[in-house]
Amino acid sequence: MKSTLVSATLMAAIFSLSVYAGEVSSQSKTAHQKENSHQVQQLNVNINTSSIEQLVLLKGIGESKAKAIVEYRESNGKFKVISDLSNVKGIGPKLVEKNKSFLSL
C-alpha cells in the first residue's frame, strides 16, 4: 500500500514538473518570437545603398542574391522604383512583395 502511495505521489510530481516545464518553454518561445518580430518590423533596407550584409536580412535573400543586387545596382545605376528589384536575376515579384514593407529607395 505504501509503495502504491509513493508511486502515485512520484507520478503526480513528475507530471506537475513536466507541465510546468512545458509552460516555461512556451513562454520563452513566445517572448523570443515577439523579440524577433519587433526586430523585423524595424528593418528598413535601402536597396540603393545597402551592403550585402544588410540585404541578407531580408526574407529569402541569401548572400548570392544580395551580391546580385549590388552587382545589378553597380551596372545599371540606382533602382527607380522598388519593383525594379525584380529585374535582378533570381529575384521575382513574389520575393519583392514579401519584403516590400522593409524596402526603401
N, C-alpha and C. Protein backbone atom coordinates (compact mmCIF):
# COMPACT_ATOMS: atom_id res chain seq x y z
N MET A 1 0.82 -1.18 0.00
CA MET A 1 0.00 0.00 0.00
C MET A 1 0.87 1.25 0.00
N LYS A 2 1.94 1.23 0.85
CA LYS A 2 2.83 2.37 0.92
C LYS A 2 3.52 2.60 -0.42
N SER A 3 3.96 1.51 -1.07
CA SER A 3 4.66 1.66 -2.35
C SER A 3 3.72 2.21 -3.41
N THR A 4 2.45 1.85 -3.38
CA THR A 4 1.48 2.38 -4.32
C THR A 4 1.29 3.87 -4.09
N LEU A 5 1.22 4.28 -2.84
CA LEU A 5 1.06 5.69 -2.49
C LEU A 5 2.29 6.49 -2.91
N VAL A 6 3.47 5.94 -2.66
CA VAL A 6 4.71 6.60 -3.05
C VAL A 6 4.78 6.71 -4.58
N SER A 7 4.44 5.65 -5.26
CA SER A 7 4.46 5.66 -6.72
C SER A 7 3.49 6.70 -7.27
N ALA A 8 2.31 6.76 -6.71
CA ALA A 8 1.31 7.73 -7.17
C ALA A 8 1.79 9.16 -6.91
N THR A 9 2.41 9.38 -5.76
CA THR A 9 2.93 10.71 -5.42
C THR A 9 4.05 11.11 -6.37
N LEU A 10 4.94 10.17 -6.64
CA LEU A 10 6.04 10.44 -7.57
C LEU A 10 5.52 10.74 -8.97
N MET A 11 4.56 9.97 -9.41
CA MET A 11 3.99 10.20 -10.75
C MET A 11 3.33 11.58 -10.83
N ALA A 12 2.62 11.96 -9.79
CA ALA A 12 1.98 13.28 -9.76
C ALA A 12 3.02 14.39 -9.79
N ALA A 13 4.10 14.22 -9.04
CA ALA A 13 5.17 15.22 -9.00
C ALA A 13 5.84 15.34 -10.37
N ILE A 14 6.12 14.22 -10.99
CA ILE A 14 6.77 14.23 -12.31
C ILE A 14 5.85 14.88 -13.33
N PHE A 15 4.58 14.56 -13.30
CA PHE A 15 3.62 15.15 -14.23
C PHE A 15 3.54 16.66 -14.02
N SER A 16 3.49 17.09 -12.77
CA SER A 16 3.42 18.53 -12.47
C SER A 16 4.65 19.26 -13.00
N LEU A 17 5.82 18.66 -12.82
CA LEU A 17 7.06 19.28 -13.29
C LEU A 17 7.09 19.37 -14.82
N SER A 18 6.61 18.32 -15.48
CA SER A 18 6.65 18.35 -16.94
C SER A 18 5.66 19.37 -17.49
N VAL A 19 4.52 19.53 -16.86
CA VAL A 19 3.55 20.55 -17.29
C VAL A 19 4.14 21.93 -17.06
N TYR A 20 4.77 22.16 -15.91
CA TYR A 20 5.38 23.44 -15.60
C TYR A 20 6.51 23.74 -16.59
N ALA A 21 7.33 22.76 -16.88
CA ALA A 21 8.44 22.96 -17.82
C ALA A 21 7.91 23.31 -19.20
N GLY A 22 6.81 22.68 -19.60
CA GLY A 22 6.20 22.99 -20.89
C GLY A 22 5.69 24.42 -20.94
N GLU A 23 5.11 24.90 -19.84
CA GLU A 23 4.62 26.28 -19.77
C GLU A 23 5.77 27.26 -19.86
N VAL A 24 6.85 27.00 -19.14
CA VAL A 24 8.02 27.89 -19.15
C VAL A 24 8.63 27.92 -20.55
N SER A 25 8.74 26.75 -21.18
CA SER A 25 9.29 26.68 -22.53
C SER A 25 8.41 27.45 -23.51
N SER A 26 7.11 27.31 -23.38
CA SER A 26 6.19 28.01 -24.26
C SER A 26 6.28 29.52 -24.07
N GLN A 27 6.39 29.97 -22.83
CA GLN A 27 6.53 31.41 -22.55
C GLN A 27 7.83 31.94 -23.12
N SER A 28 8.90 31.15 -23.02
CA SER A 28 10.20 31.56 -23.54
C SER A 28 10.15 31.70 -25.06
N LYS A 29 9.51 30.74 -25.74
CA LYS A 29 9.38 30.79 -27.20
C LYS A 29 8.58 32.00 -27.63
N THR A 30 7.48 32.29 -26.91
CA THR A 30 6.63 33.43 -27.24
C THR A 30 7.41 34.73 -27.10
N ALA A 31 8.18 34.87 -26.03
CA ALA A 31 8.98 36.08 -25.82
C ALA A 31 10.02 36.23 -26.93
N HIS A 32 10.65 35.13 -27.33
CA HIS A 32 11.66 35.16 -28.38
C HIS A 32 11.02 35.54 -29.72
N GLN A 33 9.83 35.00 -30.00
CA GLN A 33 9.14 35.32 -31.24
C GLN A 33 8.75 36.79 -31.28
N LYS A 34 8.30 37.35 -30.16
CA LYS A 34 7.95 38.77 -30.11
C LYS A 34 9.18 39.63 -30.36
N GLU A 35 10.32 39.24 -29.79
CA GLU A 35 11.56 39.99 -29.97
C GLU A 35 11.98 39.97 -31.44
N ASN A 36 11.94 38.81 -32.09
CA ASN A 36 12.29 38.71 -33.50
C ASN A 36 11.33 39.50 -34.36
N SER A 37 10.04 39.45 -34.05
CA SER A 37 9.05 40.19 -34.80
C SER A 37 9.30 41.68 -34.69
N HIS A 38 9.69 42.13 -33.51
CA HIS A 38 9.98 43.55 -33.30
C HIS A 38 11.19 43.97 -34.13
N GLN A 39 12.22 43.14 -34.18
CA GLN A 39 13.41 43.45 -34.97
C GLN A 39 13.06 43.52 -36.45
N VAL A 40 12.24 42.63 -36.95
CA VAL A 40 11.87 42.62 -38.36
C VAL A 40 11.04 43.86 -38.69
N GLN A 41 10.15 44.26 -37.78
CA GLN A 41 9.32 45.43 -38.01
C GLN A 41 10.18 46.69 -38.14
N GLN A 42 11.31 46.74 -37.48
CA GLN A 42 12.18 47.91 -37.53
C GLN A 42 13.10 47.88 -38.75
N LEU A 43 13.14 46.79 -39.47
CA LEU A 43 14.03 46.64 -40.61
C LEU A 43 13.63 47.59 -41.73
N ASN A 44 14.60 48.37 -42.20
CA ASN A 44 14.39 49.27 -43.33
C ASN A 44 15.66 49.19 -44.18
N VAL A 45 15.54 48.59 -45.33
CA VAL A 45 16.70 48.37 -46.19
C VAL A 45 16.57 49.23 -47.44
N ASN A 46 17.52 50.13 -47.61
CA ASN A 46 17.55 50.97 -48.80
C ASN A 46 18.26 50.16 -49.89
N ILE A 47 17.52 49.79 -50.93
CA ILE A 47 18.10 48.92 -51.95
C ILE A 47 19.13 49.64 -52.82
N ASN A 48 19.22 50.95 -52.73
CA ASN A 48 20.21 51.70 -53.49
C ASN A 48 21.52 51.92 -52.74
N THR A 49 21.51 51.69 -51.43
CA THR A 49 22.73 51.96 -50.65
C THR A 49 23.16 50.82 -49.73
N SER A 50 22.30 49.83 -49.50
CA SER A 50 22.58 48.78 -48.53
C SER A 50 23.71 47.86 -48.98
N SER A 51 24.45 47.40 -47.99
CA SER A 51 25.53 46.45 -48.23
C SER A 51 24.96 45.04 -48.34
N ILE A 52 25.82 44.11 -48.73
CA ILE A 52 25.42 42.70 -48.79
C ILE A 52 24.96 42.23 -47.41
N GLU A 53 25.67 42.63 -46.37
CA GLU A 53 25.33 42.23 -45.01
C GLU A 53 23.94 42.72 -44.61
N GLN A 54 23.55 43.89 -45.08
CA GLN A 54 22.22 44.41 -44.76
C GLN A 54 21.15 43.73 -45.62
N LEU A 55 21.46 43.47 -46.87
CA LEU A 55 20.48 42.86 -47.77
C LEU A 55 20.11 41.44 -47.35
N VAL A 56 21.05 40.70 -46.77
CA VAL A 56 20.75 39.31 -46.37
C VAL A 56 19.77 39.25 -45.20
N LEU A 57 19.47 40.36 -44.58
CA LEU A 57 18.48 40.39 -43.50
C LEU A 57 17.05 40.26 -44.03
N LEU A 58 16.89 40.45 -45.33
CA LEU A 58 15.57 40.36 -45.94
C LEU A 58 15.13 38.91 -46.10
N LYS A 59 13.83 38.68 -46.14
CA LYS A 59 13.27 37.33 -46.31
C LYS A 59 13.64 36.79 -47.69
N GLY A 60 14.22 35.60 -47.71
CA GLY A 60 14.52 34.92 -48.97
C GLY A 60 15.75 35.44 -49.69
N ILE A 61 16.51 36.33 -49.06
CA ILE A 61 17.71 36.88 -49.69
C ILE A 61 18.93 36.34 -48.96
N GLY A 62 19.67 35.49 -49.67
CA GLY A 62 20.92 34.97 -49.13
C GLY A 62 22.08 35.77 -49.69
N GLU A 63 23.26 35.30 -49.44
CA GLU A 63 24.45 36.03 -49.86
C GLU A 63 24.54 36.17 -51.39
N SER A 64 24.21 35.11 -52.13
CA SER A 64 24.33 35.18 -53.59
C SER A 64 23.33 36.17 -54.20
N LYS A 65 22.10 36.20 -53.68
CA LYS A 65 21.11 37.16 -54.20
C LYS A 65 21.48 38.58 -53.78
N ALA A 66 22.01 38.73 -52.58
CA ALA A 66 22.45 40.06 -52.13
C ALA A 66 23.58 40.58 -53.03
N LYS A 67 24.51 39.70 -53.37
CA LYS A 67 25.60 40.09 -54.29
C LYS A 67 25.04 40.47 -55.66
N ALA A 68 24.04 39.72 -56.11
CA ALA A 68 23.42 40.02 -57.41
C ALA A 68 22.75 41.39 -57.39
N ILE A 69 22.13 41.74 -56.28
CA ILE A 69 21.50 43.06 -56.16
C ILE A 69 22.55 44.16 -56.25
N VAL A 70 23.64 44.00 -55.53
CA VAL A 70 24.71 45.00 -55.54
C VAL A 70 25.33 45.10 -56.93
N GLU A 71 25.58 43.97 -57.57
CA GLU A 71 26.15 43.98 -58.93
C GLU A 71 25.21 44.63 -59.93
N TYR A 72 23.93 44.34 -59.82
CA TYR A 72 22.94 44.95 -60.71
C TYR A 72 22.94 46.46 -60.51
N ARG A 73 22.95 46.88 -59.27
CA ARG A 73 22.94 48.31 -58.93
C ARG A 73 24.19 49.00 -59.47
N GLU A 74 25.34 48.35 -59.37
CA GLU A 74 26.58 48.93 -59.87
C GLU A 74 26.59 49.02 -61.40
N SER A 75 25.99 48.05 -62.06
CA SER A 75 25.97 48.02 -63.53
C SER A 75 24.90 48.92 -64.13
N ASN A 76 23.76 49.02 -63.47
CA ASN A 76 22.60 49.70 -64.05
C ASN A 76 22.22 51.01 -63.35
N GLY A 77 22.91 51.36 -62.30
CA GLY A 77 22.57 52.57 -61.56
C GLY A 77 21.51 52.28 -60.51
N LYS A 78 21.08 53.34 -59.85
CA LYS A 78 20.12 53.19 -58.76
C LYS A 78 18.78 52.68 -59.26
N PHE A 79 18.10 51.95 -58.37
CA PHE A 79 16.75 51.50 -58.65
C PHE A 79 15.83 52.72 -58.64
N LYS A 80 14.93 52.81 -59.60
CA LYS A 80 13.99 53.94 -59.69
C LYS A 80 12.75 53.70 -58.83
N VAL A 81 12.28 52.45 -58.86
CA VAL A 81 11.14 52.03 -58.04
C VAL A 81 11.46 50.68 -57.42
N ILE A 82 10.84 50.38 -56.31
CA ILE A 82 11.13 49.13 -55.60
C ILE A 82 10.87 47.91 -56.47
N SER A 83 9.85 47.96 -57.30
CA SER A 83 9.52 46.80 -58.14
C SER A 83 10.64 46.50 -59.15
N ASP A 84 11.54 47.46 -59.43
CA ASP A 84 12.68 47.20 -60.31
C ASP A 84 13.61 46.13 -59.74
N LEU A 85 13.50 45.87 -58.47
CA LEU A 85 14.31 44.82 -57.84
C LEU A 85 14.07 43.47 -58.49
N SER A 86 12.89 43.28 -59.06
CA SER A 86 12.58 42.00 -59.71
C SER A 86 13.34 41.84 -61.03
N ASN A 87 14.04 42.89 -61.49
CA ASN A 87 14.89 42.78 -62.67
C ASN A 87 16.20 42.04 -62.37
N VAL A 88 16.51 41.88 -61.10
CA VAL A 88 17.73 41.18 -60.69
C VAL A 88 17.50 39.68 -60.85
N LYS A 89 18.46 39.01 -61.47
CA LYS A 89 18.34 37.56 -61.68
C LYS A 89 18.17 36.85 -60.34
N GLY A 90 17.15 36.00 -60.28
CA GLY A 90 16.89 35.22 -59.07
C GLY A 90 15.89 35.87 -58.12
N ILE A 91 15.46 37.08 -58.46
CA ILE A 91 14.50 37.78 -57.60
C ILE A 91 13.25 38.07 -58.41
N GLY A 92 12.16 37.48 -57.99
CA GLY A 92 10.90 37.67 -58.71
C GLY A 92 9.96 38.59 -57.97
N PRO A 93 8.83 38.88 -58.58
CA PRO A 93 7.84 39.77 -57.98
C PRO A 93 7.33 39.30 -56.61
N LYS A 94 7.22 37.99 -56.42
CA LYS A 94 6.74 37.46 -55.14
C LYS A 94 7.72 37.77 -54.01
N LEU A 95 9.01 37.64 -54.31
CA LEU A 95 10.03 37.93 -53.30
C LEU A 95 10.05 39.43 -52.98
N VAL A 96 9.88 40.24 -53.99
CA VAL A 96 9.82 41.69 -53.78
C VAL A 96 8.60 42.02 -52.91
N GLU A 97 7.48 41.40 -53.20
CA GLU A 97 6.25 41.65 -52.45
C GLU A 97 6.40 41.25 -50.98
N LYS A 98 7.06 40.11 -50.72
CA LYS A 98 7.29 39.65 -49.34
C LYS A 98 8.05 40.68 -48.52
N ASN A 99 8.97 41.39 -49.18
CA ASN A 99 9.86 42.32 -48.48
C ASN A 99 9.47 43.79 -48.65
N LYS A 100 8.43 44.05 -49.39
CA LYS A 100 8.07 45.42 -49.76
C LYS A 100 8.01 46.37 -48.56
N SER A 101 7.46 45.93 -47.48
CA SER A 101 7.31 46.81 -46.31
C SER A 101 8.64 47.13 -45.63
N PHE A 102 9.70 46.41 -45.99
CA PHE A 102 11.01 46.63 -45.38
C PHE A 102 11.96 47.39 -46.31
N LEU A 103 11.51 47.67 -47.54
CA LEU A 103 12.38 48.25 -48.56
C LEU A 103 12.14 49.74 -48.74
N SER A 104 13.21 50.43 -49.07
CA SER A 104 13.11 51.85 -49.41
C SER A 104 14.13 52.15 -50.51
N LEU A 105 13.99 53.34 -51.09
CA LEU A 105 14.91 53.79 -52.15
C LEU A 105 15.84 54.85 -51.60
